Amino acid sequence: MQPGWSRAGGVLAPFSAAGYLRSATGPFAGLFHAMAVHPSIVHATDVAVPIGLLLVGLSLMLGLFTQTGCAGAIAFLALFYLSQPPLSGMPQPNAEGSYLFVNKNLIELAAVMTVMAFRTGAIAGLDRLWGASPERAMGIASVEVERH
């Protein structure tokens, strides 16, 4: 992750969430701005967010601890949406488009809620193997032998 390199071959400054926190415009902007003032909180955010995103992503891709992964994804997406909600409908700098109320974070939030509601990890993921007997995990019907 660090250091980053520019196209010219120079070392880039390390990433910091401080700029993102300072640019918050949503209902919790005051909280995000206050977080950006404290270097220890910014450092904790710089470490926690990439690790959290990695764990949530692995959980959802592998279908392992899917419900917990969905809860983490919902928390992240809700915070990202609420930090900078698309309320103007005007193009914003460094954004991939112009939105009014609905942006990619809100659509991903709806998708994750769908995955959570249908418990897809138990259908096609490692969650299916985690809590199943070997016969069920392999899709083999268990045969009961009746004793007379």
Protein backbone atom coordinates (compact mmCIF):
# COMPACT_ATOMS: atom_id res chain seq x y z
CA MET A 1 0.00 0.00 0.00
CA GLN A 2 2.74 2.46 0.83
CA PRO A 3 4.60 4.17 -0.68
CA GLY A 4 2.70 5.11 -3.79
CA TRP A 5 4.61 6.06 -6.92
CA SER A 6 3.77 8.75 -9.44
CA ARG A 7 3.97 8.21 -13.20
CA ALA A 8 7.21 10.19 -13.17
CA GLY A 9 8.70 7.77 -10.62
CA GLY A 10 8.52 9.99 -7.55
CA VAL A 11 7.19 8.90 -4.19
CA LEU A 12 3.64 10.09 -3.46
CA ALA A 13 2.50 11.29 -0.07
CA PRO A 14 0.78 8.58 1.98
CA PHE A 15 -3.00 8.40 1.72
CA SER A 16 -4.98 10.13 4.44
CA ALA A 17 -8.72 10.18 5.06
CA ALA A 18 -8.43 13.72 6.45
CA GLY A 19 -9.39 15.35 3.15
CA TYR A 20 -12.46 13.13 2.76
CA LEU A 21 -13.53 13.83 6.34
CA ARG A 22 -13.04 17.59 5.91
CA SER A 23 -15.11 17.62 2.71
CA ALA A 24 -18.17 15.94 4.29
CA THR A 25 -21.42 17.77 3.55
CA GLY A 26 -24.10 15.43 4.90
CA PRO A 27 -26.08 15.39 8.14
CA PHE A 28 -23.07 14.18 10.13
CA ALA A 29 -20.63 16.66 8.60
CA GLY A 30 -19.83 18.17 12.00
CA LEU A 31 -18.79 14.79 13.34
CA PHE A 32 -16.63 14.04 10.29
CA HIS A 33 -15.04 17.51 10.45
CA ALA A 34 -14.25 16.99 14.15
CA MET A 35 -12.66 13.63 13.33
CA ALA A 36 -10.43 15.28 10.70
CA VAL A 37 -8.94 17.62 13.32
CA HIS A 38 -7.46 14.86 15.49
CA PRO A 39 -4.43 13.12 13.93
CA SER A 40 -4.91 9.99 16.05
CA ILE A 41 -8.50 9.56 14.82
CA VAL A 42 -7.44 10.18 11.21
CA HIS A 43 -4.67 7.57 11.57
CA ALA A 44 -7.11 5.06 13.09
CA THR A 45 -9.49 5.73 10.19
CA ASP A 46 -6.66 5.32 7.67
CA VAL A 47 -5.94 1.87 9.13
CA ALA A 48 -9.46 0.67 9.98
CA VAL A 49 -11.27 1.53 6.73
CA PRO A 50 -9.03 -0.44 4.30
CA ILE A 51 -8.91 -3.42 6.66
CA GLY A 52 -12.68 -3.29 7.18
CA LEU A 53 -13.33 -3.02 3.45
CA LEU A 54 -11.01 -5.96 2.78
CA LEU A 55 -12.74 -8.15 5.38
CA VAL A 56 -16.23 -7.18 4.19
CA GLY A 57 -15.27 -7.80 0.56
CA LEU A 58 -13.75 -11.21 1.30
CA SER A 59 -16.79 -12.16 3.34
CA LEU A 60 -19.20 -11.28 0.55
CA MET A 61 -17.12 -12.79 -2.25
CA LEU A 62 -16.52 -16.07 -0.44
CA GLY A 63 -19.95 -16.29 1.16
CA LEU A 64 -18.30 -16.78 4.57
CA PHE A 65 -19.94 -15.08 7.57
CA THR A 66 -22.19 -13.46 4.98
CA GLN A 67 -24.65 -11.90 7.40
CA THR A 68 -21.83 -10.23 9.34
CA GLY A 69 -20.21 -9.11 6.08
CA CYS A 70 -23.52 -7.63 4.95
CA ALA A 71 -23.89 -5.75 8.24
CA GLY A 72 -20.39 -4.32 7.80
CA ALA A 73 -21.08 -3.37 4.19
CA ILE A 74 -24.34 -1.68 5.17
CA ALA A 75 -22.51 0.32 7.85
CA PHE A 76 -19.74 1.40 5.46
CA LEU A 77 -22.11 2.28 2.61
CA ALA A 78 -24.46 4.20 4.89
CA LEU A 79 -21.56 6.23 6.29
CA PHE A 80 -20.16 6.90 2.81
CA TYR A 81 -23.60 7.97 1.57
CA LEU A 82 -24.34 10.15 4.61
CA SER A 83 -20.93 11.82 4.51
CA GLN A 84 -21.57 13.26 1.04
CA PRO A 85 -25.18 12.75 -0.06
CA PRO A 86 -25.91 13.71 -3.69
CA LEU A 87 -28.44 16.46 -3.11
CA SER A 88 -27.49 19.07 -5.71
CA GLY A 89 -27.90 17.13 -8.96
CA MET A 90 -24.91 19.05 -10.27
CA PRO A 91 -21.61 17.51 -11.37
CA GLN A 92 -19.19 17.36 -8.46
CA PRO A 93 -15.42 17.42 -8.68
CA ASN A 94 -13.77 14.00 -8.58
CA ALA A 95 -17.13 12.24 -8.91
CA GLU A 96 -18.02 9.82 -11.67
CA GLY A 97 -21.28 11.54 -12.57
CA SER A 98 -24.03 13.83 -11.41
CA TYR A 99 -26.72 12.40 -9.21
CA LEU A 100 -29.79 13.56 -7.37
CA PHE A 101 -30.49 11.46 -4.23
CA VAL A 102 -29.40 8.13 -5.73
CA ASN A 103 -25.74 7.33 -6.31
CA LYS A 104 -23.64 4.17 -6.46
CA ASN A 105 -23.44 3.90 -2.67
CA LEU A 106 -27.22 3.82 -2.33
CA ILE A 107 -27.56 1.23 -5.11
CA GLU A 108 -24.86 -0.95 -3.56
CA LEU A 109 -26.62 -0.58 -0.20
CA ALA A 110 -29.83 -1.92 -1.74
CA ALA A 111 -27.90 -4.82 -3.31
CA VAL A 112 -26.25 -5.74 -0.01
CA MET A 113 -29.61 -5.60 1.77
CA THR A 114 -30.94 -8.04 -0.85
CA VAL A 115 -28.00 -10.39 -0.28
CA MET A 116 -28.64 -10.18 3.46
CA ALA A 117 -32.38 -10.81 3.12
CA PHE A 118 -31.95 -13.89 0.92
CA ARG A 119 -29.01 -15.29 2.96
CA THR A 120 -27.09 -16.12 -0.19
CA GLY A 121 -24.06 -17.41 1.70
CA ALA A 122 -26.13 -20.40 2.79
CA ILE A 123 -27.16 -21.01 -0.82
CA ALA A 124 -23.89 -20.65 -2.70
CA GLY A 125 -21.04 -19.83 -0.38
CA LEU A 126 -18.72 -21.16 2.27
CA ASP A 127 -21.46 -20.58 4.85
CA ARG A 128 -23.21 -23.57 3.28
CA LEU A 129 -20.20 -25.75 4.05
CA TRP A 130 -19.54 -24.23 7.47
CA GLY A 131 -22.77 -25.29 9.16
CA ALA A 132 -23.65 -28.41 7.22
CA SER A 133 -23.03 -32.08 7.66
CA PRO A 134 -20.65 -33.58 5.08
CA GLU A 135 -23.56 -35.21 3.25
CA ARG A 136 -25.53 -31.98 3.00
CA ALA A 137 -22.44 -29.97 2.09
CA MET A 138 -21.81 -32.21 -0.91
CA GLY A 139 -25.48 -32.18 -1.90
CA ILE A 140 -25.94 -35.85 -1.18
CA ALA A 141 -29.32 -36.81 0.17
CA SER A 142 -29.00 -38.61 3.44
CA VAL A 143 -30.69 -41.92 3.50
CA GLU A 144 -32.29 -43.05 6.68
CA VAL A 145 -32.27 -46.71 7.35
CA GLU A 146 -35.39 -47.86 9.07
CA ARG A 147 -34.97 -50.51 11.66
CA HIS A 148 -37.74 -53.02 11.99
